[in-house]
PDBML (XML) file of the C-alpha atoms, coordinates in Angstrom:
<?xml version="1.0" encoding="UTF-8" ?>
<PDBx:datablock datablockName="MODEL"
   xmlns:PDBx="http://pdbml.pdb.org/schema/pdbx-v50.xsd"
   xmlns:xsi="http://www.w3.org/2001/XMLSchema-instance"
   xsi:schemaLocation="http://pdbml.pdb.org/schema/pdbx-v50.xsd pdbx-v50.xsd">
   <PDBx:atom_siteCategory>
      <PDBx:atom_site id="1">
         <PDBx:B_iso_or_equiv>0.00</PDBx:B_iso_or_equiv>
         <PDBx:Cartn_x>0.000</PDBx:Cartn_x>
         <PDBx:Cartn_y>0.000</PDBx:Cartn_y>
         <PDBx:Cartn_z>0.000</PDBx:Cartn_z>
         <PDBx:auth_asym_id>A</PDBx:auth_asym_id>
         <PDBx:auth_atom_id>CA</PDBx:auth_atom_id>
         <PDBx:auth_comp_id>ALA</PDBx:auth_comp_id>
         <PDBx:auth_seq_id>1</PDBx:auth_seq_id>
         <PDBx:group_PDB>ATOM</PDBx:group_PDB>
         <PDBx:label_alt_id xsi:nil="true" />
         <PDBx:label_asym_id>A</PDBx:label_asym_id>
         <PDBx:label_atom_id>CA</PDBx:label_atom_id>
         <PDBx:label_comp_id>ALA</PDBx:label_comp_id>
         <PDBx:label_entity_id>1</PDBx:label_entity_id>
         <PDBx:label_seq_id>1</PDBx:label_seq_id>
         <PDBx:occupancy>1.00</PDBx:occupancy>
         <PDBx:pdbx_PDB_model_num>1</PDBx:pdbx_PDB_model_num>
         <PDBx:type_symbol>C</PDBx:type_symbol>
      </PDBx:atom_site>
      <PDBx:atom_site id="2">
         <PDBx:B_iso_or_equiv>0.00</PDBx:B_iso_or_equiv>
         <PDBx:Cartn_x>2.877</PDBx:Cartn_x>
         <PDBx:Cartn_y>2.404</PDBx:Cartn_y>
         <PDBx:Cartn_z>0.811</PDBx:Cartn_z>
         <PDBx:auth_asym_id>A</PDBx:auth_asym_id>
         <PDBx:auth_atom_id>CA</PDBx:auth_atom_id>
         <PDBx:auth_comp_id>GLU</PDBx:auth_comp_id>
         <PDBx:auth_seq_id>2</PDBx:auth_seq_id>
         <PDBx:group_PDB>ATOM</PDBx:group_PDB>
         <PDBx:label_alt_id xsi:nil="true" />
         <PDBx:label_asym_id>A</PDBx:label_asym_id>
         <PDBx:label_atom_id>CA</PDBx:label_atom_id>
         <PDBx:label_comp_id>GLU</PDBx:label_comp_id>
         <PDBx:label_entity_id>1</PDBx:label_entity_id>
         <PDBx:label_seq_id>2</PDBx:label_seq_id>
         <PDBx:occupancy>1.00</PDBx:occupancy>
         <PDBx:pdbx_PDB_model_num>1</PDBx:pdbx_PDB_model_num>
         <PDBx:type_symbol>C</PDBx:type_symbol>
      </PDBx:atom_site>
      <PDBx:atom_site id="3">
         <PDBx:B_iso_or_equiv>0.00</PDBx:B_iso_or_equiv>
         <PDBx:Cartn_x>4.490</PDBx:Cartn_x>
         <PDBx:Cartn_y>1.598</PDBx:Cartn_y>
         <PDBx:Cartn_z>-2.520</PDBx:Cartn_z>
         <PDBx:auth_asym_id>A</PDBx:auth_asym_id>
         <PDBx:auth_atom_id>CA</PDBx:auth_atom_id>
         <PDBx:auth_comp_id>MET</PDBx:auth_comp_id>
         <PDBx:auth_seq_id>3</PDBx:auth_seq_id>
         <PDBx:group_PDB>ATOM</PDBx:group_PDB>
         <PDBx:label_alt_id xsi:nil="true" />
         <PDBx:label_asym_id>A</PDBx:label_asym_id>
         <PDBx:label_atom_id>CA</PDBx:label_atom_id>
         <PDBx:label_comp_id>MET</PDBx:label_comp_id>
         <PDBx:label_entity_id>1</PDBx:label_entity_id>
         <PDBx:label_seq_id>3</PDBx:label_seq_id>
         <PDBx:occupancy>1.00</PDBx:occupancy>
         <PDBx:pdbx_PDB_model_num>1</PDBx:pdbx_PDB_model_num>
         <PDBx:type_symbol>C</PDBx:type_symbol>
      </PDBx:atom_site>
      <PDBx:atom_site id="4">
         <PDBx:B_iso_or_equiv>0.00</PDBx:B_iso_or_equiv>
         <PDBx:Cartn_x>1.260</PDBx:Cartn_x>
         <PDBx:Cartn_y>2.260</PDBx:Cartn_y>
         <PDBx:Cartn_z>-4.453</PDBx:Cartn_z>
         <PDBx:auth_asym_id>A</PDBx:auth_asym_id>
         <PDBx:auth_atom_id>CA</PDBx:auth_atom_id>
         <PDBx:auth_comp_id>TYR</PDBx:auth_comp_id>
         <PDBx:auth_seq_id>4</PDBx:auth_seq_id>
         <PDBx:group_PDB>ATOM</PDBx:group_PDB>
         <PDBx:label_alt_id xsi:nil="true" />
         <PDBx:label_asym_id>A</PDBx:label_asym_id>
         <PDBx:label_atom_id>CA</PDBx:label_atom_id>
         <PDBx:label_comp_id>TYR</PDBx:label_comp_id>
         <PDBx:label_entity_id>1</PDBx:label_entity_id>
         <PDBx:label_seq_id>4</PDBx:label_seq_id>
         <PDBx:occupancy>1.00</PDBx:occupancy>
         <PDBx:pdbx_PDB_model_num>1</PDBx:pdbx_PDB_model_num>
         <PDBx:type_symbol>C</PDBx:type_symbol>
      </PDBx:atom_site>
      <PDBx:atom_site id="5">
         <PDBx:B_iso_or_equiv>0.00</PDBx:B_iso_or_equiv>
         <PDBx:Cartn_x>0.528</PDBx:Cartn_x>
         <PDBx:Cartn_y>5.575</PDBx:Cartn_y>
         <PDBx:Cartn_z>-2.684</PDBx:Cartn_z>
         <PDBx:auth_asym_id>A</PDBx:auth_asym_id>
         <PDBx:auth_atom_id>CA</PDBx:auth_atom_id>
         <PDBx:auth_comp_id>GLN</PDBx:auth_comp_id>
         <PDBx:auth_seq_id>5</PDBx:auth_seq_id>
         <PDBx:group_PDB>ATOM</PDBx:group_PDB>
         <PDBx:label_alt_id xsi:nil="true" />
         <PDBx:label_asym_id>A</PDBx:label_asym_id>
         <PDBx:label_atom_id>CA</PDBx:label_atom_id>
         <PDBx:label_comp_id>GLN</PDBx:label_comp_id>
         <PDBx:label_entity_id>1</PDBx:label_entity_id>
         <PDBx:label_seq_id>5</PDBx:label_seq_id>
         <PDBx:occupancy>1.00</PDBx:occupancy>
         <PDBx:pdbx_PDB_model_num>1</PDBx:pdbx_PDB_model_num>
         <PDBx:type_symbol>C</PDBx:type_symbol>
      </PDBx:atom_site>
      <PDBx:atom_site id="6">
         <PDBx:B_iso_or_equiv>0.00</PDBx:B_iso_or_equiv>
         <PDBx:Cartn_x>3.192</PDBx:Cartn_x>
         <PDBx:Cartn_y>7.321</PDBx:Cartn_y>
         <PDBx:Cartn_z>-4.739</PDBx:Cartn_z>
         <PDBx:auth_asym_id>A</PDBx:auth_asym_id>
         <PDBx:auth_atom_id>CA</PDBx:auth_atom_id>
         <PDBx:auth_comp_id>SER</PDBx:auth_comp_id>
         <PDBx:auth_seq_id>6</PDBx:auth_seq_id>
         <PDBx:group_PDB>ATOM</PDBx:group_PDB>
         <PDBx:label_alt_id xsi:nil="true" />
         <PDBx:label_asym_id>A</PDBx:label_asym_id>
         <PDBx:label_atom_id>CA</PDBx:label_atom_id>
         <PDBx:label_comp_id>SER</PDBx:label_comp_id>
         <PDBx:label_entity_id>1</PDBx:label_entity_id>
         <PDBx:label_seq_id>6</PDBx:label_seq_id>
         <PDBx:occupancy>1.00</PDBx:occupancy>
         <PDBx:pdbx_PDB_model_num>1</PDBx:pdbx_PDB_model_num>
         <PDBx:type_symbol>C</PDBx:type_symbol>
      </PDBx:atom_site>
      <PDBx:atom_site id="7">
         <PDBx:B_iso_or_equiv>0.00</PDBx:B_iso_or_equiv>
         <PDBx:Cartn_x>1.563</PDBx:Cartn_x>
         <PDBx:Cartn_y>6.051</PDBx:Cartn_y>
         <PDBx:Cartn_z>-7.915</PDBx:Cartn_z>
         <PDBx:auth_asym_id>A</PDBx:auth_asym_id>
         <PDBx:auth_atom_id>CA</PDBx:auth_atom_id>
         <PDBx:auth_comp_id>ASN</PDBx:auth_comp_id>
         <PDBx:auth_seq_id>7</PDBx:auth_seq_id>
         <PDBx:group_PDB>ATOM</PDBx:group_PDB>
         <PDBx:label_alt_id xsi:nil="true" />
         <PDBx:label_asym_id>A</PDBx:label_asym_id>
         <PDBx:label_atom_id>CA</PDBx:label_atom_id>
         <PDBx:label_comp_id>ASN</PDBx:label_comp_id>
         <PDBx:label_entity_id>1</PDBx:label_entity_id>
         <PDBx:label_seq_id>7</PDBx:label_seq_id>
         <PDBx:occupancy>1.00</PDBx:occupancy>
         <PDBx:pdbx_PDB_model_num>1</PDBx:pdbx_PDB_model_num>
         <PDBx:type_symbol>C</PDBx:type_symbol>
      </PDBx:atom_site>
      <PDBx:atom_site id="8">
         <PDBx:B_iso_or_equiv>0.00</PDBx:B_iso_or_equiv>
         <PDBx:Cartn_x>-1.473</PDBx:Cartn_x>
         <PDBx:Cartn_y>8.080</PDBx:Cartn_y>
         <PDBx:Cartn_z>-8.990</PDBx:Cartn_z>
         <PDBx:auth_asym_id>A</PDBx:auth_asym_id>
         <PDBx:auth_atom_id>CA</PDBx:auth_atom_id>
         <PDBx:auth_comp_id>ASN</PDBx:auth_comp_id>
         <PDBx:auth_seq_id>8</PDBx:auth_seq_id>
         <PDBx:group_PDB>ATOM</PDBx:group_PDB>
         <PDBx:label_alt_id xsi:nil="true" />
         <PDBx:label_asym_id>A</PDBx:label_asym_id>
         <PDBx:label_atom_id>CA</PDBx:label_atom_id>
         <PDBx:label_comp_id>ASN</PDBx:label_comp_id>
         <PDBx:label_entity_id>1</PDBx:label_entity_id>
         <PDBx:label_seq_id>8</PDBx:label_seq_id>
         <PDBx:occupancy>1.00</PDBx:occupancy>
         <PDBx:pdbx_PDB_model_num>1</PDBx:pdbx_PDB_model_num>
         <PDBx:type_symbol>C</PDBx:type_symbol>
      </PDBx:atom_site>
      <PDBx:atom_site id="9">
         <PDBx:B_iso_or_equiv>0.00</PDBx:B_iso_or_equiv>
         <PDBx:Cartn_x>-2.748</PDBx:Cartn_x>
         <PDBx:Cartn_y>5.452</PDBx:Cartn_y>
         <PDBx:Cartn_z>-11.421</PDBx:Cartn_z>
         <PDBx:auth_asym_id>A</PDBx:auth_asym_id>
         <PDBx:auth_atom_id>CA</PDBx:auth_atom_id>
         <PDBx:auth_comp_id>SER</PDBx:auth_comp_id>
         <PDBx:auth_seq_id>9</PDBx:auth_seq_id>
         <PDBx:group_PDB>ATOM</PDBx:group_PDB>
         <PDBx:label_alt_id xsi:nil="true" />
         <PDBx:label_asym_id>A</PDBx:label_asym_id>
         <PDBx:label_atom_id>CA</PDBx:label_atom_id>
         <PDBx:label_comp_id>SER</PDBx:label_comp_id>
         <PDBx:label_entity_id>1</PDBx:label_entity_id>
         <PDBx:label_seq_id>9</PDBx:label_seq_id>
         <PDBx:occupancy>1.00</PDBx:occupancy>
         <PDBx:pdbx_PDB_model_num>1</PDBx:pdbx_PDB_model_num>
         <PDBx:type_symbol>C</PDBx:type_symbol>
      </PDBx:atom_site>
      <PDBx:atom_site id="10">
         <PDBx:B_iso_or_equiv>0.00</PDBx:B_iso_or_equiv>
         <PDBx:Cartn_x>-6.021</PDBx:Cartn_x>
         <PDBx:Cartn_y>3.700</PDBx:Cartn_y>
         <PDBx:Cartn_z>-10.661</PDBx:Cartn_z>
         <PDBx:auth_asym_id>A</PDBx:auth_asym_id>
         <PDBx:auth_atom_id>CA</PDBx:auth_atom_id>
         <PDBx:auth_comp_id>GLU</PDBx:auth_comp_id>
         <PDBx:auth_seq_id>10</PDBx:auth_seq_id>
         <PDBx:group_PDB>ATOM</PDBx:group_PDB>
         <PDBx:label_alt_id xsi:nil="true" />
         <PDBx:label_asym_id>A</PDBx:label_asym_id>
         <PDBx:label_atom_id>CA</PDBx:label_atom_id>
         <PDBx:label_comp_id>GLU</PDBx:label_comp_id>
         <PDBx:label_entity_id>1</PDBx:label_entity_id>
         <PDBx:label_seq_id>10</PDBx:label_seq_id>
         <PDBx:occupancy>1.00</PDBx:occupancy>
         <PDBx:pdbx_PDB_model_num>1</PDBx:pdbx_PDB_model_num>
         <PDBx:type_symbol>C</PDBx:type_symbol>
      </PDBx:atom_site>
      <PDBx:atom_site id="11">
         <PDBx:B_iso_or_equiv>0.00</PDBx:B_iso_or_equiv>
         <PDBx:Cartn_x>-5.587</PDBx:Cartn_x>
         <PDBx:Cartn_y>0.370</PDBx:Cartn_y>
         <PDBx:Cartn_z>-8.850</PDBx:Cartn_z>
         <PDBx:auth_asym_id>A</PDBx:auth_asym_id>
         <PDBx:auth_atom_id>CA</PDBx:auth_atom_id>
         <PDBx:auth_comp_id>LEU</PDBx:auth_comp_id>
         <PDBx:auth_seq_id>11</PDBx:auth_seq_id>
         <PDBx:group_PDB>ATOM</PDBx:group_PDB>
         <PDBx:label_alt_id xsi:nil="true" />
         <PDBx:label_asym_id>A</PDBx:label_asym_id>
         <PDBx:label_atom_id>CA</PDBx:label_atom_id>
         <PDBx:label_comp_id>LEU</PDBx:label_comp_id>
         <PDBx:label_entity_id>1</PDBx:label_entity_id>
         <PDBx:label_seq_id>11</PDBx:label_seq_id>
         <PDBx:occupancy>1.00</PDBx:occupancy>
         <PDBx:pdbx_PDB_model_num>1</PDBx:pdbx_PDB_model_num>
         <PDBx:type_symbol>C</PDBx:type_symbol>
      </PDBx:atom_site>
      <PDBx:atom_site id="12">
         <PDBx:B_iso_or_equiv>0.00</PDBx:B_iso_or_equiv>
         <PDBx:Cartn_x>-7.422</PDBx:Cartn_x>
         <PDBx:Cartn_y>-2.822</PDBx:Cartn_y>
         <PDBx:Cartn_z>-9.914</PDBx:Cartn_z>
         <PDBx:auth_asym_id>A</PDBx:auth_asym_id>
         <PDBx:auth_atom_id>CA</PDBx:auth_atom_id>
         <PDBx:auth_comp_id>PRO</PDBx:auth_comp_id>
         <PDBx:auth_seq_id>12</PDBx:auth_seq_id>
         <PDBx:group_PDB>ATOM</PDBx:group_PDB>
         <PDBx:label_alt_id xsi:nil="true" />
         <PDBx:label_asym_id>A</PDBx:label_asym_id>
         <PDBx:label_atom_id>CA</PDBx:label_atom_id>
         <PDBx:label_comp_id>PRO</PDBx:label_comp_id>
         <PDBx:label_entity_id>1</PDBx:label_entity_id>
         <PDBx:label_seq_id>12</PDBx:label_seq_id>
         <PDBx:occupancy>1.00</PDBx:occupancy>
         <PDBx:pdbx_PDB_model_num>1</PDBx:pdbx_PDB_model_num>
         <PDBx:type_symbol>C</PDBx:type_symbol>
      </PDBx:atom_site>
      <PDBx:atom_site id="13">
         <PDBx:B_iso_or_equiv>0.00</PDBx:B_iso_or_equiv>
         <PDBx:Cartn_x>-10.633</PDBx:Cartn_x>
         <PDBx:Cartn_y>-3.665</PDBx:Cartn_y>
         <PDBx:Cartn_z>-8.026</PDBx:Cartn_z>
         <PDBx:auth_asym_id>A</PDBx:auth_asym_id>
         <PDBx:auth_atom_id>CA</PDBx:auth_atom_id>
         <PDBx:auth_comp_id>THR</PDBx:auth_comp_id>
         <PDBx:auth_seq_id>13</PDBx:auth_seq_id>
         <PDBx:group_PDB>ATOM</PDBx:group_PDB>
         <PDBx:label_alt_id xsi:nil="true" />
         <PDBx:label_asym_id>A</PDBx:label_asym_id>
         <PDBx:label_atom_id>CA</PDBx:label_atom_id>
         <PDBx:label_comp_id>THR</PDBx:label_comp_id>
         <PDBx:label_entity_id>1</PDBx:label_entity_id>
         <PDBx:label_seq_id>13</PDBx:label_seq_id>
         <PDBx:occupancy>1.00</PDBx:occupancy>
         <PDBx:pdbx_PDB_model_num>1</PDBx:pdbx_PDB_model_num>
         <PDBx:type_symbol>C</PDBx:type_symbol>
      </PDBx:atom_site>
      <PDBx:atom_site id="14">
         <PDBx:B_iso_or_equiv>0.00</PDBx:B_iso_or_equiv>
         <PDBx:Cartn_x>-9.094</PDBx:Cartn_x>
         <PDBx:Cartn_y>-6.732</PDBx:Cartn_y>
         <PDBx:Cartn_z>-6.356</PDBx:Cartn_z>
         <PDBx:auth_asym_id>A</PDBx:auth_asym_id>
         <PDBx:auth_atom_id>CA</PDBx:auth_atom_id>
         <PDBx:auth_comp_id>LEU</PDBx:auth_comp_id>
         <PDBx:auth_seq_id>14</PDBx:auth_seq_id>
         <PDBx:group_PDB>ATOM</PDBx:group_PDB>
         <PDBx:label_alt_id xsi:nil="true" />
         <PDBx:label_asym_id>A</PDBx:label_asym_id>
         <PDBx:label_atom_id>CA</PDBx:label_atom_id>
         <PDBx:label_comp_id>LEU</PDBx:label_comp_id>
         <PDBx:label_entity_id>1</PDBx:label_entity_id>
         <PDBx:label_seq_id>14</PDBx:label_seq_id>
         <PDBx:occupancy>1.00</PDBx:occupancy>
         <PDBx:pdbx_PDB_model_num>1</PDBx:pdbx_PDB_model_num>
         <PDBx:type_symbol>C</PDBx:type_symbol>
      </PDBx:atom_site>
      <PDBx:atom_site id="15">
         <PDBx:B_iso_or_equiv>0.00</PDBx:B_iso_or_equiv>
         <PDBx:Cartn_x>-6.157</PDBx:Cartn_x>
         <PDBx:Cartn_y>-4.680</PDBx:Cartn_y>
         <PDBx:Cartn_z>-5.049</PDBx:Cartn_z>
         <PDBx:auth_asym_id>A</PDBx:auth_asym_id>
         <PDBx:auth_atom_id>CA</PDBx:auth_atom_id>
         <PDBx:auth_comp_id>THR</PDBx:auth_comp_id>
         <PDBx:auth_seq_id>15</PDBx:auth_seq_id>
         <PDBx:group_PDB>ATOM</PDBx:group_PDB>
         <PDBx:label_alt_id xsi:nil="true" />
         <PDBx:label_asym_id>A</PDBx:label_asym_id>
         <PDBx:label_atom_id>CA</PDBx:label_atom_id>
         <PDBx:label_comp_id>THR</PDBx:label_comp_id>
         <PDBx:label_entity_id>1</PDBx:label_entity_id>
         <PDBx:label_seq_id>15</PDBx:label_seq_id>
         <PDBx:occupancy>1.00</PDBx:occupancy>
         <PDBx:pdbx_PDB_model_num>1</PDBx:pdbx_PDB_model_num>
         <PDBx:type_symbol>C</PDBx:type_symbol>
      </PDBx:atom_site>
      <PDBx:atom_site id="16">
         <PDBx:B_iso_or_equiv>0.00</PDBx:B_iso_or_equiv>
         <PDBx:Cartn_x>-8.470</PDBx:Cartn_x>
         <PDBx:Cartn_y>-1.973</PDBx:Cartn_y>
         <PDBx:Cartn_z>-3.684</PDBx:Cartn_z>
         <PDBx:auth_asym_id>A</PDBx:auth_asym_id>
         <PDBx:auth_atom_id>CA</PDBx:auth_atom_id>
         <PDBx:auth_comp_id>ARG</PDBx:auth_comp_id>
         <PDBx:auth_seq_id>16</PDBx:auth_seq_id>
         <PDBx:group_PDB>ATOM</PDBx:group_PDB>
         <PDBx:label_alt_id xsi:nil="true" />
         <PDBx:label_asym_id>A</PDBx:label_asym_id>
         <PDBx:label_atom_id>CA</PDBx:label_atom_id>
         <PDBx:label_comp_id>ARG</PDBx:label_comp_id>
         <PDBx:label_entity_id>1</PDBx:label_entity_id>
         <PDBx:label_seq_id>16</PDBx:label_seq_id>
         <PDBx:occupancy>1.00</PDBx:occupancy>
         <PDBx:pdbx_PDB_model_num>1</PDBx:pdbx_PDB_model_num>
         <PDBx:type_symbol>C</PDBx:type_symbol>
      </PDBx:atom_site>
      <PDBx:atom_site id="17">
         <PDBx:B_iso_or_equiv>0.00</PDBx:B_iso_or_equiv>
         <PDBx:Cartn_x>-10.578</PDBx:Cartn_x>
         <PDBx:Cartn_y>-4.595</PDBx:Cartn_y>
         <PDBx:Cartn_z>-1.879</PDBx:Cartn_z>
         <PDBx:auth_asym_id>A</PDBx:auth_asym_id>
         <PDBx:auth_atom_id>CA</PDBx:auth_atom_id>
         <PDBx:auth_comp_id>VAL</PDBx:auth_comp_id>
         <PDBx:auth_seq_id>17</PDBx:auth_seq_id>
         <PDBx:group_PDB>ATOM</PDBx:group_PDB>
         <PDBx:label_alt_id xsi:nil="true" />
         <PDBx:label_asym_id>A</PDBx:label_asym_id>
         <PDBx:label_atom_id>CA</PDBx:label_atom_id>
         <PDBx:label_comp_id>VAL</PDBx:label_comp_id>
         <PDBx:label_entity_id>1</PDBx:label_entity_id>
         <PDBx:label_seq_id>17</PDBx:label_seq_id>
         <PDBx:occupancy>1.00</PDBx:occupancy>
         <PDBx:pdbx_PDB_model_num>1</PDBx:pdbx_PDB_model_num>
         <PDBx:type_symbol>C</PDBx:type_symbol>
      </PDBx:atom_site>
      <PDBx:atom_site id="18">
         <PDBx:B_iso_or_equiv>0.00</PDBx:B_iso_or_equiv>
         <PDBx:Cartn_x>-7.476</PDBx:Cartn_x>
         <PDBx:Cartn_y>-6.184</PDBx:Cartn_y>
         <PDBx:Cartn_z>-0.307</PDBx:Cartn_z>
         <PDBx:auth_asym_id>A</PDBx:auth_asym_id>
         <PDBx:auth_atom_id>CA</PDBx:auth_atom_id>
         <PDBx:auth_comp_id>LEU</PDBx:auth_comp_id>
         <PDBx:auth_seq_id>18</PDBx:auth_seq_id>
         <PDBx:group_PDB>ATOM</PDBx:group_PDB>
         <PDBx:label_alt_id xsi:nil="true" />
         <PDBx:label_asym_id>A</PDBx:label_asym_id>
         <PDBx:label_atom_id>CA</PDBx:label_atom_id>
         <PDBx:label_comp_id>LEU</PDBx:label_comp_id>
         <PDBx:label_entity_id>1</PDBx:label_entity_id>
         <PDBx:label_seq_id>18</PDBx:label_seq_id>
         <PDBx:occupancy>1.00</PDBx:occupancy>
         <PDBx:pdbx_PDB_model_num>1</PDBx:pdbx_PDB_model_num>
         <PDBx:type_symbol>C</PDBx:type_symbol>
      </PDBx:atom_site>
      <PDBx:atom_site id="19">
         <PDBx:B_iso_or_equiv>0.00</PDBx:B_iso_or_equiv>
         <PDBx:Cartn_x>-6.107</PDBx:Cartn_x>
         <PDBx:Cartn_y>-2.800</PDBx:Cartn_y>
         <PDBx:Cartn_z>0.778</PDBx:Cartn_z>
         <PDBx:auth_asym_id>A</PDBx:auth_asym_id>
         <PDBx:auth_atom_id>CA</PDBx:auth_atom_id>
         <PDBx:auth_comp_id>LEU</PDBx:auth_comp_id>
         <PDBx:auth_seq_id>19</PDBx:auth_seq_id>
         <PDBx:group_PDB>ATOM</PDBx:group_PDB>
         <PDBx:label_alt_id xsi:nil="true" />
         <PDBx:label_asym_id>A</PDBx:label_asym_id>
         <PDBx:label_atom_id>CA</PDBx:label_atom_id>
         <PDBx:label_comp_id>LEU</PDBx:label_comp_id>
         <PDBx:label_entity_id>1</PDBx:label_entity_id>
         <PDBx:label_seq_id>19</PDBx:label_seq_id>
         <PDBx:occupancy>1.00</PDBx:occupancy>
         <PDBx:pdbx_PDB_model_num>1</PDBx:pdbx_PDB_model_num>
         <PDBx:type_symbol>C</PDBx:type_symbol>
      </PDBx:atom_site>
      <PDBx:atom_site id="20">
         <PDBx:B_iso_or_equiv>0.00</PDBx:B_iso_or_equiv>
         <PDBx:Cartn_x>-9.482</PDBx:Cartn_x>
         <PDBx:Cartn_y>-1.892</PDBx:Cartn_y>
         <PDBx:Cartn_z>2.341</PDBx:Cartn_z>
         <PDBx:auth_asym_id>A</PDBx:auth_asym_id>
         <PDBx:auth_atom_id>CA</PDBx:auth_atom_id>
         <PDBx:auth_comp_id>ALA</PDBx:auth_comp_id>
         <PDBx:auth_seq_id>20</PDBx:auth_seq_id>
         <PDBx:group_PDB>ATOM</PDBx:group_PDB>
         <PDBx:label_alt_id xsi:nil="true" />
         <PDBx:label_asym_id>A</PDBx:label_asym_id>
         <PDBx:label_atom_id>CA</PDBx:label_atom_id>
         <PDBx:label_comp_id>ALA</PDBx:label_comp_id>
         <PDBx:label_entity_id>1</PDBx:label_entity_id>
         <PDBx:label_seq_id>20</PDBx:label_seq_id>
         <PDBx:occupancy>1.00</PDBx:occupancy>
         <PDBx:pdbx_PDB_model_num>1</PDBx:pdbx_PDB_model_num>
         <PDBx:type_symbol>C</PDBx:type_symbol>
      </PDBx:atom_site>
      <PDBx:atom_site id="21">
         <PDBx:B_iso_or_equiv>0.00</PDBx:B_iso_or_equiv>
         <PDBx:Cartn_x>-9.587</PDBx:Cartn_x>
         <PDBx:Cartn_y>-5.236</PDBx:Cartn_y>
         <PDBx:Cartn_z>4.191</PDBx:Cartn_z>
         <PDBx:auth_asym_id>A</PDBx:auth_asym_id>
         <PDBx:auth_atom_id>CA</PDBx:auth_atom_id>
         <PDBx:auth_comp_id>MET</PDBx:auth_comp_id>
         <PDBx:auth_seq_id>21</PDBx:auth_seq_id>
         <PDBx:group_PDB>ATOM</PDBx:group_PDB>
         <PDBx:label_alt_id xsi:nil="true" />
         <PDBx:label_asym_id>A</PDBx:label_asym_id>
         <PDBx:label_atom_id>CA</PDBx:label_atom_id>
         <PDBx:label_comp_id>MET</PDBx:label_comp_id>
         <PDBx:label_entity_id>1</PDBx:label_entity_id>
         <PDBx:label_seq_id>21</PDBx:label_seq_id>
         <PDBx:occupancy>1.00</PDBx:occupancy>
         <PDBx:pdbx_PDB_model_num>1</PDBx:pdbx_PDB_model_num>
         <PDBx:type_symbol>C</PDBx:type_symbol>
      </PDBx:atom_site>
      <PDBx:atom_site id="22">
         <PDBx:B_iso_or_equiv>0.00</PDBx:B_iso_or_equiv>
         <PDBx:Cartn_x>-6.032</PDBx:Cartn_x>
         <PDBx:Cartn_y>-4.706</PDBx:Cartn_y>
         <PDBx:Cartn_z>5.425</PDBx:Cartn_z>
         <PDBx:auth_asym_id>A</PDBx:auth_asym_id>
         <PDBx:auth_atom_id>CA</PDBx:auth_atom_id>
         <PDBx:auth_comp_id>SER</PDBx:auth_comp_id>
         <PDBx:auth_seq_id>22</PDBx:auth_seq_id>
         <PDBx:group_PDB>ATOM</PDBx:group_PDB>
         <PDBx:label_alt_id xsi:nil="true" />
         <PDBx:label_asym_id>A</PDBx:label_asym_id>
         <PDBx:label_atom_id>CA</PDBx:label_atom_id>
         <PDBx:label_comp_id>SER</PDBx:label_comp_id>
         <PDBx:label_entity_id>1</PDBx:label_entity_id>
         <PDBx:label_seq_id>22</PDBx:label_seq_id>
         <PDBx:occupancy>1.00</PDBx:occupancy>
         <PDBx:pdbx_PDB_model_num>1</PDBx:pdbx_PDB_model_num>
         <PDBx:type_symbol>C</PDBx:type_symbol>
      </PDBx:atom_site>
      <PDBx:atom_site id="23">
         <PDBx:B_iso_or_equiv>0.00</PDBx:B_iso_or_equiv>
         <PDBx:Cartn_x>-6.814</PDBx:Cartn_x>
         <PDBx:Cartn_y>-1.197</PDBx:Cartn_y>
         <PDBx:Cartn_z>6.715</PDBx:Cartn_z>
         <PDBx:auth_asym_id>A</PDBx:auth_asym_id>
         <PDBx:auth_atom_id>CA</PDBx:auth_atom_id>
         <PDBx:auth_comp_id>ASN</PDBx:auth_comp_id>
         <PDBx:auth_seq_id>23</PDBx:auth_seq_id>
         <PDBx:group_PDB>ATOM</PDBx:group_PDB>
         <PDBx:label_alt_id xsi:nil="true" />
         <PDBx:label_asym_id>A</PDBx:label_asym_id>
         <PDBx:label_atom_id>CA</PDBx:label_atom_id>
         <PDBx:label_comp_id>ASN</PDBx:label_comp_id>
         <PDBx:label_entity_id>1</PDBx:label_entity_id>
         <PDBx:label_seq_id>23</PDBx:label_seq_id>
         <PDBx:occupancy>1.00</PDBx:occupancy>
         <PDBx:pdbx_PDB_model_num>1</PDBx:pdbx_PDB_model_num>
         <PDBx:type_symbol>C</PDBx:type_symbol>
      </PDBx:atom_site>
      <PDBx:atom_site id="24">
         <PDBx:B_iso_or_equiv>0.00</PDBx:B_iso_or_equiv>
         <PDBx:Cartn_x>-9.996</PDBx:Cartn_x>
         <PDBx:Cartn_y>-2.399</PDBx:Cartn_y>
         <PDBx:Cartn_z>8.426</PDBx:Cartn_z>
         <PDBx:auth_asym_id>A</PDBx:auth_asym_id>
         <PDBx:auth_atom_id>CA</PDBx:auth_atom_id>
         <PDBx:auth_comp_id>PHE</PDBx:auth_comp_id>
         <PDBx:auth_seq_id>24</PDBx:auth_seq_id>
         <PDBx:group_PDB>ATOM</PDBx:group_PDB>
         <PDBx:label_alt_id xsi:nil="true" />
         <PDBx:label_asym_id>A</PDBx:label_asym_id>
         <PDBx:label_atom_id>CA</PDBx:label_atom_id>
         <PDBx:label_comp_id>PHE</PDBx:label_comp_id>
         <PDBx:label_entity_id>1</PDBx:label_entity_id>
         <PDBx:label_seq_id>24</PDBx:label_seq_id>
         <PDBx:occupancy>1.00</PDBx:occupancy>
         <PDBx:pdbx_PDB_model_num>1</PDBx:pdbx_PDB_model_num>
         <PDBx:type_symbol>C</PDBx:type_symbol>
      </PDBx:atom_site>
      <PDBx:atom_site id="25">
         <PDBx:B_iso_or_equiv>0.00</PDBx:B_iso_or_equiv>
         <PDBx:Cartn_x>-8.164</PDBx:Cartn_x>
         <PDBx:Cartn_y>-5.287</PDBx:Cartn_y>
         <PDBx:Cartn_z>10.158</PDBx:Cartn_z>
         <PDBx:auth_asym_id>A</PDBx:auth_asym_id>
         <PDBx:auth_atom_id>CA</PDBx:auth_atom_id>
         <PDBx:auth_comp_id>LEU</PDBx:auth_comp_id>
         <PDBx:auth_seq_id>25</PDBx:auth_seq_id>
         <PDBx:group_PDB>ATOM</PDBx:group_PDB>
         <PDBx:label_alt_id xsi:nil="true" />
         <PDBx:label_asym_id>A</PDBx:label_asym_id>
         <PDBx:label_atom_id>CA</PDBx:label_atom_id>
         <PDBx:label_comp_id>LEU</PDBx:label_comp_id>
         <PDBx:label_entity_id>1</PDBx:label_entity_id>
         <PDBx:label_seq_id>25</PDBx:label_seq_id>
         <PDBx:occupancy>1.00</PDBx:occupancy>
         <PDBx:pdbx_PDB_model_num>1</PDBx:pdbx_PDB_model_num>
         <PDBx:type_symbol>C</PDBx:type_symbol>
      </PDBx:atom_site>
   </PDBx:atom_siteCategory>
</PDBx:datablock>
C-alpha cells in the first residue's frame, strides 16, 4: 500500500478490496 501511494494510477478492483480489508483489520 505504501508503494502504491506514490503512484497516482487507478488500482485494480481486487487490489483496492485487499487494501481496504487490510486497513480495516
